[in-house]
Amino acid sequence: FLGGGPNIKSIEYASTAAITDAAIVSPAGTSERLIATSVLFVTDEVNTTAVGVRIGFSTGTTPTTTGVILTHPGLVPGAGLARGDGSGILGIGAGNESIRITHEIPTGGSARAVVSYFTIQDS
């Protein structure tokens, strides 16, 4: 199923401001789980400050321990960080958990996250 499976989707989340606990993608219903297969976070080279980031599974607050799938304390302008290539599983959210992001302000520029994922029914 993985590695080019027909049900893998990707979504981009772009911002020019600080983001706190924003859902990049949410399950369609309470009986659905998200499975992350890759995650990428990049900063614009025109940013004048480093950008700290956390991405993970939660129903409300971006996690700081369990459920984190990508984190960095401060990516310098023009830098990026990635995990996974879409051919394996990075993490599985609990029923109704979104993939959420929190990051610092990308002063003078922007930041983008791209997540690939698929969904399954919660048993």
C-alpha atoms as a PDB file:
ATOM      1  CA  PHE A   1       0.000   0.000   0.000  1.00  0.00           C
ATOM      2  CA  LEU A   2       2.732   2.514   0.845  1.00  0.00           C
ATOM      3  CA  GLY A   3       5.429   3.712  -1.532  1.00  0.00           C
ATOM      4  CA  GLY A   4       3.231   5.202  -4.231  1.00  0.00           C
ATOM      5  CA  GLY A   5      -0.084   3.927  -2.898  1.00  0.00           C
ATOM      6  CA  PRO A   6      -3.157   5.584  -4.433  1.00  0.00           C
ATOM      7  CA  ASN A   7      -4.535   6.933  -1.151  1.00  0.00           C
ATOM      8  CA  ILE A   8      -1.574   9.085  -0.072  1.00  0.00           C
ATOM      9  CA  LYS A   9      -2.394  12.798  -0.148  1.00  0.00           C
ATOM     10  CA  SER A  10      -0.231  15.853   0.426  1.00  0.00           C
ATOM     11  CA  ILE A  11      -1.037  19.308   1.710  1.00  0.00           C
ATOM     12  CA  GLU A  12       0.937  22.537   2.000  1.00  0.00           C
ATOM     13  CA  TYR A  13       0.584  25.049   4.817  1.00  0.00           C
ATOM     14  CA  ALA A  14       2.142  28.480   4.196  1.00  0.00           C
ATOM     15  CA  SER A  15       2.404  31.408   6.589  1.00  0.00           C
ATOM     16  CA  THR A  16       4.020  34.798   7.070  1.00  0.00           C
ATOM     17  CA  ALA A  17       3.191  35.105  10.782  1.00  0.00           C
ATOM     18  CA  ALA A  18       3.803  33.156  13.965  1.00  0.00           C
ATOM     19  CA  ILE A  19       1.476  30.136  14.135  1.00  0.00           C
ATOM     20  CA  THR A  20       0.236  28.452  17.302  1.00  0.00           C
ATOM     21  CA  ASP A  21      -1.591  25.107  17.344  1.00  0.00           C
ATOM     22  CA  ALA A  22      -2.942  25.390  13.777  1.00  0.00           C
ATOM     23  CA  ALA A  23      -4.301  22.283  12.065  1.00  0.00           C
ATOM     24  CA  ILE A  24      -2.444  21.486   8.846  1.00  0.00           C
ATOM     25  CA  VAL A  25      -4.913  18.682   8.163  1.00  0.00           C
ATOM     26  CA  SER A  26      -7.749  17.211  10.214  1.00  0.00           C
ATOM     27  CA  PRO A  27      -9.581  13.895   9.923  1.00  0.00           C
ATOM     28  CA  ALA A  28     -12.977  13.990   8.234  1.00  0.00           C
ATOM     29  CA  GLY A  29     -14.713  12.518  11.279  1.00  0.00           C
ATOM     30  CA  THR A  30     -14.226  11.305  14.821  1.00  0.00           C
ATOM     31  CA  SER A  31     -13.757   7.714  13.665  1.00  0.00           C
ATOM     32  CA  GLU A  32     -10.833   8.525  11.364  1.00  0.00           C
ATOM     33  CA  ARG A  33      -7.064   8.476  12.010  1.00  0.00           C
ATOM     34  CA  LEU A  34      -4.351  10.321  10.111  1.00  0.00           C
ATOM     35  CA  ILE A  35      -1.112   8.522   9.224  1.00  0.00           C
ATOM     36  CA  ALA A  36       1.841  10.777   8.320  1.00  0.00           C
ATOM     37  CA  THR A  37       4.293   9.468   5.716  1.00  0.00           C
ATOM     38  CA  SER A  38       6.483  12.568   5.247  1.00  0.00           C
ATOM     39  CA  VAL A  39       6.825  16.079   6.591  1.00  0.00           C
ATOM     40  CA  LEU A  40       8.859  19.042   5.343  1.00  0.00           C
ATOM     41  CA  PHE A  41       9.336  22.517   6.817  1.00  0.00           C
ATOM     42  CA  VAL A  42      11.221  25.262   4.954  1.00  0.00           C
ATOM     43  CA  THR A  43      12.015  28.893   5.670  1.00  0.00           C
ATOM     44  CA  ASP A  44      12.295  31.721   3.169  1.00  0.00           C
ATOM     45  CA  GLU A  45      15.849  32.941   2.531  1.00  0.00           C
ATOM     46  CA  VAL A  46      14.700  36.554   2.978  1.00  0.00           C
ATOM     47  CA  ASN A  47      13.692  35.893   6.611  1.00  0.00           C
ATOM     48  CA  THR A  48      15.801  37.909   9.027  1.00  0.00           C
ATOM     49  CA  THR A  49      15.391  35.532  11.981  1.00  0.00           C
ATOM     50  CA  ALA A  50      15.595  31.804  12.648  1.00  0.00           C
ATOM     51  CA  VAL A  51      12.254  29.981  12.917  1.00  0.00           C
ATOM     52  CA  GLY A  52      11.603  27.314  15.554  1.00  0.00           C
ATOM     53  CA  VAL A  53       8.961  24.733  14.640  1.00  0.00           C
ATOM     54  CA  ARG A  54       7.010  21.745  16.026  1.00  0.00           C
ATOM     55  CA  ILE A  55       4.613  19.546  14.068  1.00  0.00           C
ATOM     56  CA  GLY A  56       2.663  16.651  15.545  1.00  0.00           C
ATOM     57  CA  PHE A  57      -0.616  14.892  16.298  1.00  0.00           C
ATOM     58  CA  SER A  58      -3.136  16.466  18.676  1.00  0.00           C
ATOM     59  CA  THR A  59      -6.778  17.444  19.102  1.00  0.00           C
ATOM     60  CA  GLY A  60      -5.891  20.950  20.280  1.00  0.00           C
ATOM     61  CA  THR A  61      -2.356  21.900  21.271  1.00  0.00           C
ATOM     62  CA  THR A  62       0.705  21.073  19.174  1.00  0.00           C
ATOM     63  CA  PRO A  63       2.497  18.384  21.212  1.00  0.00           C
ATOM     64  CA  THR A  64       5.883  18.910  22.842  1.00  0.00           C
ATOM     65  CA  THR A  65       6.699  15.262  23.615  1.00  0.00           C
ATOM     66  CA  THR A  66       4.580  12.278  22.530  1.00  0.00           C
ATOM     67  CA  GLY A  67       3.112  12.747  19.062  1.00  0.00           C
ATOM     68  CA  VAL A  68       5.796  15.085  17.661  1.00  0.00           C
ATOM     69  CA  ILE A  69       6.820  14.152  14.100  1.00  0.00           C
ATOM     70  CA  LEU A  70       9.108  17.123  13.297  1.00  0.00           C
ATOM     71  CA  THR A  71      10.821  19.683  15.508  1.00  0.00           C
ATOM     72  CA  HIS A  72      13.696  22.158  15.370  1.00  0.00           C
ATOM     73  CA  PRO A  73      14.618  24.986  17.763  1.00  0.00           C
ATOM     74  CA  GLY A  74      15.478  27.496  15.031  1.00  0.00           C
ATOM     75  CA  LEU A  75      15.970  26.947  11.298  1.00  0.00           C
ATOM     76  CA  VAL A  76      18.109  29.718   9.814  1.00  0.00           C
ATOM     77  CA  PRO A  77      16.758  31.682   6.829  1.00  0.00           C
ATOM     78  CA  GLY A  78      16.668  29.560   3.677  1.00  0.00           C
ATOM     79  CA  ALA A  79      16.953  26.272   5.583  1.00  0.00           C
ATOM     80  CA  GLY A  80      14.641  23.293   5.650  1.00  0.00           C
ATOM     81  CA  LEU A  81      14.105  20.079   7.549  1.00  0.00           C
ATOM     82  CA  ALA A  82      12.402  16.901   6.348  1.00  0.00           C
ATOM     83  CA  ARG A  83      11.464  13.458   7.687  1.00  0.00           C
ATOM     84  CA  GLY A  84      10.228  10.579   5.615  1.00  0.00           C
ATOM     85  CA  ASP A  85       9.865  10.195   1.868  1.00  0.00           C
ATOM     86  CA  GLY A  86       6.271   9.012   1.712  1.00  0.00           C
ATOM     87  CA  SER A  87       7.139   5.317   1.501  1.00  0.00           C
ATOM     88  CA  GLY A  88       6.836   4.539   5.207  1.00  0.00           C
ATOM     89  CA  ILE A  89       4.928   5.611   8.318  1.00  0.00           C
ATOM     90  CA  LEU A  90       6.255   8.464  10.489  1.00  0.00           C
ATOM     91  CA  GLY A  91       3.392   8.439  12.936  1.00  0.00           C
ATOM     92  CA  ILE A  92      -0.228   7.510  13.493  1.00  0.00           C
ATOM     93  CA  GLY A  93      -2.585   9.911  15.204  1.00  0.00           C
ATOM     94  CA  ALA A  94      -5.266   8.799  17.618  1.00  0.00           C
ATOM     95  CA  GLY A  95      -8.901   8.987  16.554  1.00  0.00           C
ATOM     96  CA  ASN A  96      -9.864  12.553  15.602  1.00  0.00           C
ATOM     97  CA  GLU A  97      -6.321  13.977  16.086  1.00  0.00           C
ATOM     98  CA  SER A  98      -5.177  16.589  13.581  1.00  0.00           C
ATOM     99  CA  ILE A  99      -1.623  17.173  12.386  1.00  0.00           C
ATOM    100  CA  ARG A 100      -0.844  20.534  14.009  1.00  0.00           C
ATOM    101  CA  ILE A 101       1.915  23.111  13.680  1.00  0.00           C
ATOM    102  CA  THR A 102       3.391  25.761  15.923  1.00  0.00           C
ATOM    103  CA  HIS A 103       6.230  27.971  14.674  1.00  0.00           C
ATOM    104  CA  GLU A 104       7.878  31.287  15.414  1.00  0.00           C
ATOM    105  CA  ILE A 105       7.448  34.346  13.219  1.00  0.00           C
ATOM    106  CA  PRO A 106       9.371  34.148   9.925  1.00  0.00           C
ATOM    107  CA  THR A 107      10.316  37.841  10.125  1.00  0.00           C
ATOM    108  CA  GLY A 108      10.482  39.493   6.718  1.00  0.00           C
ATOM    109  CA  GLY A 109       9.480  36.386   4.765  1.00  0.00           C
ATOM    110  CA  SER A 110       7.533  33.169   5.098  1.00  0.00           C
ATOM    111  CA  ALA A 111       7.598  29.523   6.114  1.00  0.00           C
ATOM    112  CA  ARG A 112       5.963  26.455   4.567  1.00  0.00           C
ATOM    113  CA  ALA A 113       5.135  22.969   5.741  1.00  0.00           C
ATOM    114  CA  VAL A 114       4.237  20.080   3.442  1.00  0.00           C
ATOM    115  CA  VAL A 115       2.792  16.873   4.867  1.00  0.00           C
ATOM    116  CA  SER A 116       1.942  13.644   3.060  1.00  0.00           C
ATOM    117  CA  TYR A 117      -0.582  11.408   4.782  1.00  0.00           C
ATOM    118  CA  PHE A 118      -3.419   8.940   4.418  1.00  0.00           C
ATOM    119  CA  THR A 119      -6.397   8.079   6.583  1.00  0.00           C
ATOM    120  CA  ILE A 120      -7.787   4.901   8.117  1.00  0.00           C
ATOM    121  CA  GLN A 121     -10.953   4.182  10.058  1.00  0.00           C
ATOM    122  CA  ASP A 122     -10.502   4.034  13.826  1.00  0.00           C
ATOM    123  CA  SER A 123     -11.443   0.632  15.160  1.00  0.00           C
END
